[in-house]
Amino acid sequence: MKQGAQGSAGTGIPDPRTRGTRVPPQPRAAEMDRDRDRADGTDAVRGEHTHSETPFPRPRQALQRPSVRGQILDALRTALVGGELTPGEVYSAPALGDRFGVSATPVREAMQQLATEGAIEVVPNRGFRVVERGARELAELAEIRALIEVPVILRLARTVPTARWAELRPLAEGTVRAASSGCRATYAESDRAFHRAVLALSGNEQLVHLAEDLHRRTQWPPAVGPSARGRAELVADAAEHLALVEALGAGEWDVAQSLVREHFAGAE
């Protein structure tokens, strides 16, 4: 009897004693993803509803691996700034994944990152809600930015050689072109690039990362929508970048000081 049982197991021939027993089906890929999400604690948003959401535009270009998560994160940040992700609306990872043509997992990971940045909040069993930012919160963030960046830029204005400031002129001109387009998302990216380059002259990487995070938060649309700053406001803001670089390149410290304070006083 024992030899018979061993022979059946070793040859792959079904054991008569197990005949009639149902073999459990192998889990499909989607089920394996769901099990993995449960294991890492992300199943709180698995039951998101997708049938009543505001349509989200498909990306213009197909996403390419291996940096799918990073590309989705960039696309979602752009959508936040441009108002394509509406404040107060709830979006699910599966629905956004369908729009991007990827699984829900990288979308969920990108949304979790945005949640840590304060752009969205988790809604259990539904998805993620875009945070509604009021004027007071944006003003507070702008004040913090000014407290950090103004002293640093004024110090750099006195210590950085004028030739270095001239090197930033292309970035300043880039913000002017971006502002002229009237696209809030395009200008936001160009604006951050300029400020990042200015602060990078300090050699303080932690400062650069902290200031950029604050800058990004101030660029998210308030509750009234993306029309809070129109094309004229963006153009005026960009013109201050160019004027600042020109003043610093010419060694006009007093003019530069006035421009820096004015720029941050009017920052959103």
C-alpha atoms as a PDB file:
ATOM      1  CA  MET A   1       0.000   0.000   0.000  1.00  0.00           C
ATOM      2  CA  LYS A   2       2.790   2.435   0.854  1.00  0.00           C
ATOM      3  CA  GLN A   3       4.650   1.577  -2.347  1.00  0.00           C
ATOM      4  CA  GLY A   4       1.543   2.271  -4.393  1.00  0.00           C
ATOM      5  CA  ALA A   5       1.082   5.667  -2.791  1.00  0.00           C
ATOM      6  CA  GLN A   6       4.713   6.611  -3.376  1.00  0.00           C
ATOM      7  CA  GLY A   7       4.590   5.428  -6.969  1.00  0.00           C
ATOM      8  CA  SER A   8       1.552   7.572  -7.715  1.00  0.00           C
ATOM      9  CA  ALA A   9       3.162  10.662  -6.195  1.00  0.00           C
ATOM     10  CA  GLY A  10       6.477  10.118  -7.921  1.00  0.00           C
ATOM     11  CA  THR A  11       5.094   9.511 -11.437  1.00  0.00           C
ATOM     12  CA  GLY A  12       2.469  12.207 -11.431  1.00  0.00           C
ATOM     13  CA  ILE A  13      -0.314   9.626 -11.885  1.00  0.00           C
ATOM     14  CA  PRO A  14      -3.394  10.606  -9.848  1.00  0.00           C
ATOM     15  CA  ASP A  15      -3.770   8.623  -6.657  1.00  0.00           C
ATOM     16  CA  PRO A  16      -7.067   6.699  -6.812  1.00  0.00           C
ATOM     17  CA  ARG A  17      -7.775   7.758  -3.249  1.00  0.00           C
ATOM     18  CA  THR A  18      -7.921  11.407  -4.330  1.00  0.00           C
ATOM     19  CA  ARG A  19     -10.098  10.759  -7.362  1.00  0.00           C
ATOM     20  CA  GLY A  20     -13.060  13.115  -7.365  1.00  0.00           C
ATOM     21  CA  THR A  21     -11.298  15.717  -5.247  1.00  0.00           C
ATOM     22  CA  ARG A  22     -11.491  19.212  -6.832  1.00  0.00           C
ATOM     23  CA  VAL A  23      -8.096  20.812  -7.499  1.00  0.00           C
ATOM     24  CA  PRO A  24      -8.188  24.507  -6.500  1.00  0.00           C
ATOM     25  CA  PRO A  25      -7.638  26.865  -9.445  1.00  0.00           C
ATOM     26  CA  GLN A  26      -4.419  28.853  -9.654  1.00  0.00           C
ATOM     27  CA  PRO A  27      -4.851  32.501  -8.673  1.00  0.00           C
ATOM     28  CA  ARG A  28      -5.001  34.968 -11.527  1.00  0.00           C
ATOM     29  CA  ALA A  29      -2.645  37.951 -11.732  1.00  0.00           C
ATOM     30  CA  ALA A  30      -5.290  40.409 -10.533  1.00  0.00           C
ATOM     31  CA  GLU A  31      -6.051  38.225  -7.523  1.00  0.00           C
ATOM     32  CA  MET A  32      -2.338  37.981  -6.733  1.00  0.00           C
ATOM     33  CA  ASP A  33      -2.093  41.795  -6.871  1.00  0.00           C
ATOM     34  CA  ARG A  34      -5.026  42.054  -4.503  1.00  0.00           C
ATOM     35  CA  ASP A  35      -3.445  39.620  -2.057  1.00  0.00           C
ATOM     36  CA  ARG A  36      -0.199  41.563  -2.184  1.00  0.00           C
ATOM     37  CA  ASP A  37      -2.033  44.839  -1.519  1.00  0.00           C
ATOM     38  CA  ARG A  38      -3.725  43.295   1.500  1.00  0.00           C
ATOM     39  CA  ALA A  39      -0.387  42.140   2.810  1.00  0.00           C
ATOM     40  CA  ASP A  40       1.225  45.602   2.539  1.00  0.00           C
ATOM     41  CA  GLY A  41      -1.723  47.400   4.093  1.00  0.00           C
ATOM     42  CA  THR A  42      -3.030  49.201   1.007  1.00  0.00           C
ATOM     43  CA  ASP A  43      -6.325  47.319   0.837  1.00  0.00           C
ATOM     44  CA  ALA A  44      -8.051  50.210   2.612  1.00  0.00           C
ATOM     45  CA  VAL A  45      -8.609  51.791  -0.788  1.00  0.00           C
ATOM     46  CA  ARG A  46      -9.175  48.593  -2.817  1.00  0.00           C
ATOM     47  CA  GLY A  47     -12.919  48.923  -2.779  1.00  0.00           C
ATOM     48  CA  GLU A  48     -12.918  52.267  -4.533  1.00  0.00           C
ATOM     49  CA  HIS A  49     -16.003  53.151  -6.529  1.00  0.00           C
ATOM     50  CA  THR A  50     -15.289  54.012 -10.152  1.00  0.00           C
ATOM     51  CA  HIS A  51     -18.706  54.400 -11.736  1.00  0.00           C
ATOM     52  CA  SER A  52     -19.537  58.009 -10.767  1.00  0.00           C
ATOM     53  CA  GLU A  53     -16.228  59.816 -11.090  1.00  0.00           C
ATOM     54  CA  THR A  54     -15.478  62.949 -13.053  1.00  0.00           C
ATOM     55  CA  PRO A  55     -13.735  61.880 -16.309  1.00  0.00           C
ATOM     56  CA  PHE A  56      -9.977  62.318 -16.266  1.00  0.00           C
ATOM     57  CA  PRO A  57      -8.230  62.968 -19.611  1.00  0.00           C
ATOM     58  CA  ARG A  58      -5.947  60.300 -20.984  1.00  0.00           C
ATOM     59  CA  PRO A  59      -2.237  61.195 -21.128  1.00  0.00           C
ATOM     60  CA  ARG A  60      -1.036  62.438 -24.505  1.00  0.00           C
ATOM     61  CA  GLN A  61       1.759  59.876 -24.649  1.00  0.00           C
ATOM     62  CA  ALA A  62       1.824  56.248 -23.595  1.00  0.00           C
ATOM     63  CA  LEU A  63       3.746  55.661 -20.399  1.00  0.00           C
ATOM     64  CA  GLN A  64       6.950  53.679 -20.673  1.00  0.00           C
ATOM     65  CA  ARG A  65       8.570  51.416 -18.127  1.00  0.00           C
ATOM     66  CA  PRO A  66      10.638  51.157 -15.978  1.00  0.00           C
ATOM     67  CA  SER A  67       9.720  54.454 -14.316  1.00  0.00           C
ATOM     68  CA  VAL A  68       5.953  54.127 -14.576  1.00  0.00           C
ATOM     69  CA  ARG A  69       5.358  55.222 -10.986  1.00  0.00           C
ATOM     70  CA  GLY A  70       7.501  58.331 -11.434  1.00  0.00           C
ATOM     71  CA  GLN A  71       5.810  59.248 -14.700  1.00  0.00           C
ATOM     72  CA  ILE A  72       2.378  58.847 -13.160  1.00  0.00           C
ATOM     73  CA  LEU A  73       3.418  60.949 -10.164  1.00  0.00           C
ATOM     74  CA  ASP A  74       4.582  63.735 -12.494  1.00  0.00           C
ATOM     75  CA  ALA A  75       1.386  63.494 -14.531  1.00  0.00           C
ATOM     76  CA  LEU A  76      -0.795  63.672 -11.422  1.00  0.00           C
ATOM     77  CA  ARG A  77       1.148  66.669 -10.086  1.00  0.00           C
ATOM     78  CA  THR A  78       0.627  68.420 -13.414  1.00  0.00           C
ATOM     79  CA  ALA A  79      -3.071  67.569 -13.297  1.00  0.00           C
ATOM     80  CA  LEU A  80      -3.310  69.014  -9.793  1.00  0.00           C
ATOM     81  CA  VAL A  81      -1.736  72.306 -10.821  1.00  0.00           C
ATOM     82  CA  GLY A  82      -3.732  72.504 -14.024  1.00  0.00           C
ATOM     83  CA  GLY A  83      -7.034  71.820 -12.265  1.00  0.00           C
ATOM     84  CA  GLU A  84      -7.710  68.549 -14.118  1.00  0.00           C
ATOM     85  CA  LEU A  85      -7.966  66.858 -10.720  1.00  0.00           C
ATOM     86  CA  THR A  86     -10.767  68.799  -9.100  1.00  0.00           C
ATOM     87  CA  PRO A  87     -10.486  69.837  -5.423  1.00  0.00           C
ATOM     88  CA  GLY A  88     -13.031  67.904  -3.351  1.00  0.00           C
ATOM     89  CA  GLU A  89     -13.429  65.114  -5.922  1.00  0.00           C
ATOM     90  CA  VAL A  90     -12.611  61.488  -5.068  1.00  0.00           C
ATOM     91  CA  TYR A  91     -10.539  59.484  -7.550  1.00  0.00           C
ATOM     92  CA  SER A  92      -9.796  55.773  -7.415  1.00  0.00           C
ATOM     93  CA  ALA A  93      -6.543  54.104  -8.384  1.00  0.00           C
ATOM     94  CA  PRO A  94      -8.249  51.506 -10.661  1.00  0.00           C
ATOM     95  CA  ALA A  95     -10.067  54.217 -12.630  1.00  0.00           C
ATOM     96  CA  LEU A  96      -6.936  56.320 -13.037  1.00  0.00           C
ATOM     97  CA  GLY A  97      -4.996  53.187 -13.912  1.00  0.00           C
ATOM     98  CA  ASP A  98      -7.445  52.535 -16.748  1.00  0.00           C
ATOM     99  CA  ARG A  99      -6.869  56.071 -18.001  1.00  0.00           C
ATOM    100  CA  PHE A 100      -3.091  55.641 -17.929  1.00  0.00           C
ATOM    101  CA  GLY A 101      -3.242  52.131 -19.340  1.00  0.00           C
ATOM    102  CA  VAL A 102      -1.478  50.584 -16.331  1.00  0.00           C
ATOM    103  CA  SER A 103      -2.468  48.524 -13.310  1.00  0.00           C
ATOM    104  CA  ALA A 104      -3.779  50.212 -10.195  1.00  0.00           C
ATOM    105  CA  THR A 105      -0.633  49.449  -8.187  1.00  0.00           C
ATOM    106  CA  PRO A 106       1.739  52.161  -9.531  1.00  0.00           C
ATOM    107  CA  VAL A 107      -1.095  54.679  -9.524  1.00  0.00           C
ATOM    108  CA  ARG A 108      -1.872  53.871  -5.912  1.00  0.00           C
ATOM    109  CA  GLU A 109       1.805  54.254  -4.987  1.00  0.00           C
ATOM    110  CA  ALA A 110       1.936  57.667  -6.697  1.00  0.00           C
ATOM    111  CA  MET A 111      -1.268  58.750  -4.943  1.00  0.00           C
ATOM    112  CA  GLN A 112       0.150  57.659  -1.606  1.00  0.00           C
ATOM    113  CA  GLN A 113       3.153  59.911  -2.262  1.00  0.00           C
ATOM    114  CA  LEU A 114       0.842  62.827  -3.014  1.00  0.00           C
ATOM    115  CA  ALA A 115      -0.979  62.091   0.222  1.00  0.00           C
ATOM    116  CA  THR A 116       2.267  62.458   2.175  1.00  0.00           C
ATOM    117  CA  GLU A 117       2.782  65.799   0.422  1.00  0.00           C
ATOM    118  CA  GLY A 118      -0.650  66.973   1.509  1.00  0.00           C
ATOM    119  CA  ALA A 119      -2.137  67.252  -1.982  1.00  0.00           C
ATOM    120  CA  ILE A 120      -4.723  64.528  -1.480  1.00  0.00           C
ATOM    121  CA  GLU A 121      -6.170  62.502   1.363  1.00  0.00           C
ATOM    122  CA  VAL A 122      -7.123  58.848   1.608  1.00  0.00           C
ATOM    123  CA  VAL A 123     -10.840  58.034   1.655  1.00  0.00           C
ATOM    124  CA  PRO A 124     -11.210  54.472   2.983  1.00  0.00           C
ATOM    125  CA  ASN A 125     -12.911  52.071   0.565  1.00  0.00           C
ATOM    126  CA  ARG A 126     -13.298  54.776  -2.072  1.00  0.00           C
ATOM    127  CA  GLY A 127      -9.953  56.196  -3.156  1.00  0.00           C
ATOM    128  CA  PHE A 128      -8.299  59.585  -2.778  1.00  0.00           C
ATOM    129  CA  ARG A 129      -9.843  63.026  -2.392  1.00  0.00           C
ATOM    130  CA  VAL A 130      -8.093  66.109  -3.759  1.00  0.00           C
ATOM    131  CA  VAL A 131      -7.562  68.521  -0.880  1.00  0.00           C
ATOM    132  CA  GLU A 132      -9.407  71.832  -1.111  1.00  0.00           C
ATOM    133  CA  ARG A 133      -7.019  74.691  -0.325  1.00  0.00           C
ATOM    134  CA  GLY A 134      -8.393  77.975   0.891  1.00  0.00           C
ATOM    135  CA  ALA A 135      -6.811  81.401   0.575  1.00  0.00           C
ATOM    136  CA  ARG A 136      -5.603  81.361   4.180  1.00  0.00           C
ATOM    137  CA  GLU A 137      -3.687  78.096   3.815  1.00  0.00           C
ATOM    138  CA  LEU A 138      -2.033  79.277   0.610  1.00  0.00           C
ATOM    139  CA  ALA A 139      -1.088  82.570   2.258  1.00  0.00           C
ATOM    140  CA  GLU A 140       0.473  80.706   5.175  1.00  0.00           C
ATOM    141  CA  LEU A 141       2.522  78.524   2.839  1.00  0.00           C
ATOM    142  CA  ALA A 142       3.657  81.576   0.871  1.00  0.00           C
ATOM    143  CA  GLU A 143       4.724  83.250   4.117  1.00  0.00           C
ATOM    144  CA  ILE A 144       6.839  80.238   5.081  1.00  0.00           C
ATOM    145  CA  ARG A 145       8.442  80.267   1.634  1.00  0.00           C
ATOM    146  CA  ALA A 146       9.333  83.924   2.049  1.00  0.00           C
ATOM    147  CA  LEU A 147      10.844  83.339   5.484  1.00  0.00           C
ATOM    148  CA  ILE A 148      13.117  80.675   4.010  1.00  0.00           C
ATOM    149  CA  GLU A 149      13.974  81.947   0.553  1.00  0.00           C
ATOM    150  CA  VAL A 150      14.217  85.744   0.934  1.00  0.00           C
ATOM    151  CA  PRO A 151      17.142  85.768   3.414  1.00  0.00           C
ATOM    152  CA  VAL A 152      18.978  83.124   1.384  1.00  0.00           C
ATOM    153  CA  ILE A 153      18.583  84.952  -1.931  1.00  0.00           C
ATOM    154  CA  LEU A 154      19.618  88.268  -0.385  1.00  0.00           C
ATOM    155  CA  ARG A 155      22.733  86.628   1.046  1.00  0.00           C
ATOM    156  CA  LEU A 156      23.525  85.052  -2.306  1.00  0.00           C
ATOM    157  CA  ALA A 157      23.041  88.415  -4.008  1.00  0.00           C
ATOM    158  CA  ARG A 158      26.005  89.766  -2.031  1.00  0.00           C
ATOM    159  CA  THR A 159      28.270  86.730  -2.300  1.00  0.00           C
ATOM    160  CA  VAL A 160      27.693  85.081  -5.701  1.00  0.00           C
ATOM    161  CA  PRO A 161      29.748  86.530  -8.606  1.00  0.00           C
ATOM    162  CA  THR A 162      27.706  88.491 -11.144  1.00  0.00           C
ATOM    163  CA  ALA A 163      28.714  86.078 -13.917  1.00  0.00           C
ATOM    164  CA  ARG A 164      26.908  83.239 -12.144  1.00  0.00           C
ATOM    165  CA  TRP A 165      23.665  85.197 -12.168  1.00  0.00           C
ATOM    166  CA  ALA A 166      23.981  85.735 -15.913  1.00  0.00           C
ATOM    167  CA  GLU A 167      23.988  81.951 -16.324  1.00  0.00           C
ATOM    168  CA  LEU A 168      20.446  81.845 -14.917  1.00  0.00           C
ATOM    169  CA  ARG A 169      19.078  84.178 -17.588  1.00  0.00           C
ATOM    170  CA  PRO A 170      17.914  81.309 -19.878  1.00  0.00           C
ATOM    171  CA  LEU A 171      15.843  79.868 -17.020  1.00  0.00           C
ATOM    172  CA  ALA A 172      14.329  83.284 -16.293  1.00  0.00           C
ATOM    173  CA  GLU A 173      13.480  83.716 -19.969  1.00  0.00           C
ATOM    174  CA  GLY A 174      11.960  80.242 -19.900  1.00  0.00           C
ATOM    175  CA  THR A 175       9.525  81.321 -17.198  1.00  0.00           C
ATOM    176  CA  VAL A 176       8.494  84.286 -19.357  1.00  0.00           C
ATOM    177  CA  ARG A 177       7.724  81.991 -22.296  1.00  0.00           C
ATOM    178  CA  ALA A 178       5.860  79.566 -20.052  1.00  0.00           C
ATOM    179  CA  ALA A 179       3.795  82.379 -18.567  1.00  0.00           C
ATOM    180  CA  SER A 180       2.942  83.675 -22.027  1.00  0.00           C
ATOM    181  CA  SER A 181       1.417  80.299 -22.862  1.00  0.00           C
ATOM    182  CA  GLY A 182      -1.158  80.853 -20.156  1.00  0.00           C
ATOM    183  CA  CYS A 183      -0.807  77.222 -19.043  1.00  0.00           C
ATOM    184  CA  ARG A 184      -0.656  77.138 -15.282  1.00  0.00           C
ATOM    185  CA  ALA A 185       0.978  73.686 -15.161  1.00  0.00           C
ATOM    186  CA  THR A 186       3.676  74.643 -17.678  1.00  0.00           C
ATOM    187  CA  TYR A 187       4.466  77.809 -15.771  1.00  0.00           C
ATOM    188  CA  ALA A 188       4.535  75.994 -12.430  1.00  0.00           C
ATOM    189  CA  GLU A 189       7.233  73.625 -13.668  1.00  0.00           C
ATOM    190  CA  SER A 190       9.318  76.438 -15.149  1.00  0.00           C
ATOM    191  CA  ASP A 191       8.881  78.591 -12.051  1.00  0.00           C
ATOM    192  CA  ARG A 192      10.105  75.799  -9.755  1.00  0.00           C
ATOM    193  CA  ALA A 193      13.105  75.180 -12.019  1.00  0.00           C
ATOM    194  CA  PHE A 194      14.163  78.819 -11.773  1.00  0.00           C
ATOM    195  CA  HIS A 195      13.809  79.041  -7.992  1.00  0.00           C
ATOM    196  CA  ARG A 196      15.546  75.681  -7.585  1.00  0.00           C
ATOM    197  CA  ALA A 197      18.519  76.909  -9.631  1.00  0.00           C
ATOM    198  CA  VAL A 198      18.764  80.114  -7.586  1.00  0.00           C
ATOM    199  CA  LEU A 199      18.741  78.288  -4.253  1.00  0.00           C
ATOM    200  CA  ALA A 200      21.165  75.657  -5.553  1.00  0.00           C
ATOM    201  CA  LEU A 201      23.816  78.399  -5.569  1.00  0.00           C
ATOM    202  CA  SER A 202      23.796  78.107  -1.777  1.00  0.00           C
ATOM    203  CA  GLY A 203      25.156  74.567  -1.979  1.00  0.00           C
ATOM    204  CA  ASN A 204      22.582  73.464   0.602  1.00  0.00           C
ATOM    205  CA  GLU A 205      20.713  70.464  -0.847  1.00  0.00           C
ATOM    206  CA  GLN A 206      18.348  70.146   2.112  1.00  0.00           C
ATOM    207  CA  LEU A 207      17.335  73.767   1.676  1.00  0.00           C
ATOM    208  CA  VAL A 208      16.653  73.198  -2.004  1.00  0.00           C
ATOM    209  CA  HIS A 209      14.451  70.139  -1.330  1.00  0.00           C
ATOM    210  CA  LEU A 210      12.527  71.825   1.479  1.00  0.00           C
ATOM    211  CA  ALA A 211      11.923  75.012  -0.495  1.00  0.00           C
ATOM    212  CA  GLU A 212      10.793  73.064  -3.559  1.00  0.00           C
ATOM    213  CA  ASP A 213       8.284  71.083  -1.507  1.00  0.00           C
ATOM    214  CA  LEU A 214       6.818  74.310  -0.113  1.00  0.00           C
ATOM    215  CA  HIS A 215       6.820  75.856  -3.571  1.00  0.00           C
ATOM    216  CA  ARG A 216       4.931  72.904  -5.012  1.00  0.00           C
ATOM    217  CA  ARG A 217       2.311  73.120  -2.288  1.00  0.00           C
ATOM    218  CA  THR A 218       1.663  76.809  -3.009  1.00  0.00           C
ATOM    219  CA  GLN A 219       1.063  76.002  -6.675  1.00  0.00           C
ATOM    220  CA  TRP A 220      -1.832  73.622  -6.096  1.00  0.00           C
ATOM    221  CA  PRO A 221      -5.118  75.320  -6.989  1.00  0.00           C
ATOM    222  CA  PRO A 222      -7.275  76.755  -4.218  1.00  0.00           C
ATOM    223  CA  ALA A 223     -10.929  75.854  -3.811  1.00  0.00           C
ATOM    224  CA  VAL A 224     -11.974  78.461  -6.375  1.00  0.00           C
ATOM    225  CA  GLY A 225     -10.154  76.561  -9.126  1.00  0.00           C
ATOM    226  CA  PRO A 226      -7.216  77.043 -11.461  1.00  0.00           C
ATOM    227  CA  SER A 227      -8.362  80.523 -12.550  1.00  0.00           C
ATOM    228  CA  ALA A 228      -7.016  82.001  -9.296  1.00  0.00           C
ATOM    229  CA  ARG A 229      -4.025  83.278 -11.265  1.00  0.00           C
ATOM    230  CA  GLY A 230      -4.628  84.250 -14.846  1.00  0.00           C
ATOM    231  CA  ARG A 231      -2.200  84.745 -17.681  1.00  0.00           C
ATOM    232  CA  ALA A 232      -1.536  88.382 -16.772  1.00  0.00           C
ATOM    233  CA  GLU A 233      -0.512  87.432 -13.221  1.00  0.00           C
ATOM    234  CA  LEU A 234       1.785  84.697 -14.480  1.00  0.00           C
ATOM    235  CA  VAL A 235       3.453  87.052 -16.965  1.00  0.00           C
ATOM    236  CA  ALA A 236       4.022  89.669 -14.256  1.00  0.00           C
ATOM    237  CA  ASP A 237       5.500  87.042 -11.943  1.00  0.00           C
ATOM    238  CA  ALA A 238       7.864  85.789 -14.648  1.00  0.00           C
ATOM    239  CA  ALA A 239       8.942  89.329 -15.540  1.00  0.00           C
ATOM    240  CA  GLU A 240      10.200  89.711 -11.970  1.00  0.00           C
ATOM    241  CA  HIS A 241      12.471  86.681 -12.486  1.00  0.00           C
ATOM    242  CA  LEU A 242      14.077  88.273 -15.513  1.00  0.00           C
ATOM    243  CA  ALA A 243      14.404  91.673 -13.836  1.00  0.00           C
ATOM    244  CA  LEU A 244      16.030  90.056 -10.807  1.00  0.00           C
ATOM    245  CA  VAL A 245      18.623  88.205 -12.874  1.00  0.00           C
ATOM    246  CA  GLU A 246      19.435  91.371 -14.811  1.00  0.00           C
ATOM    247  CA  ALA A 247      19.850  93.394 -11.626  1.00  0.00           C
ATOM    248  CA  LEU A 248      22.063  90.786  -9.993  1.00  0.00           C
ATOM    249  CA  GLY A 249      24.102  90.373 -13.166  1.00  0.00           C
ATOM    250  CA  ALA A 250      24.696  94.125 -13.183  1.00  0.00           C
ATOM    251  CA  GLY A 251      25.630  94.211  -9.510  1.00  0.00           C
ATOM    252  CA  GLU A 252      22.638  96.388  -8.618  1.00  0.00           C
ATOM    253  CA  TRP A 253      22.126  95.004  -5.120  1.00  0.00           C
ATOM    254  CA  ASP A 254      19.578  97.582  -3.934  1.00  0.00           C
ATOM    255  CA  VAL A 255      17.374  96.969  -6.960  1.00  0.00           C
ATOM    256  CA  ALA A 256      17.692  93.216  -6.490  1.00  0.00           C
ATOM    257  CA  GLN A 257      16.742  93.472  -2.829  1.00  0.00           C
ATOM    258  CA  SER A 258      13.592  95.399  -3.702  1.00  0.00           C
ATOM    259  CA  LEU A 259      12.666  92.910  -6.435  1.00  0.00           C
ATOM    260  CA  VAL A 260      13.129  89.903  -4.141  1.00  0.00           C
ATOM    261  CA  ARG A 261      10.896  91.337  -1.417  1.00  0.00           C
ATOM    262  CA  GLU A 262       8.260  92.401  -3.949  1.00  0.00           C
ATOM    263  CA  HIS A 263       8.312  89.017  -5.651  1.00  0.00           C
ATOM    264  CA  PHE A 264       7.600  87.077  -2.474  1.00  0.00           C
ATOM    265  CA  ALA A 265       5.133  89.625  -1.154  1.00  0.00           C
ATOM    266  CA  GLY A 266       2.990  88.939  -4.209  1.00  0.00           C
ATOM    267  CA  ALA A 267       3.566  85.194  -4.253  1.00  0.00           C
ATOM    268  CA  GLU A 268       0.428  83.069  -4.132  1.00  0.00           C
END
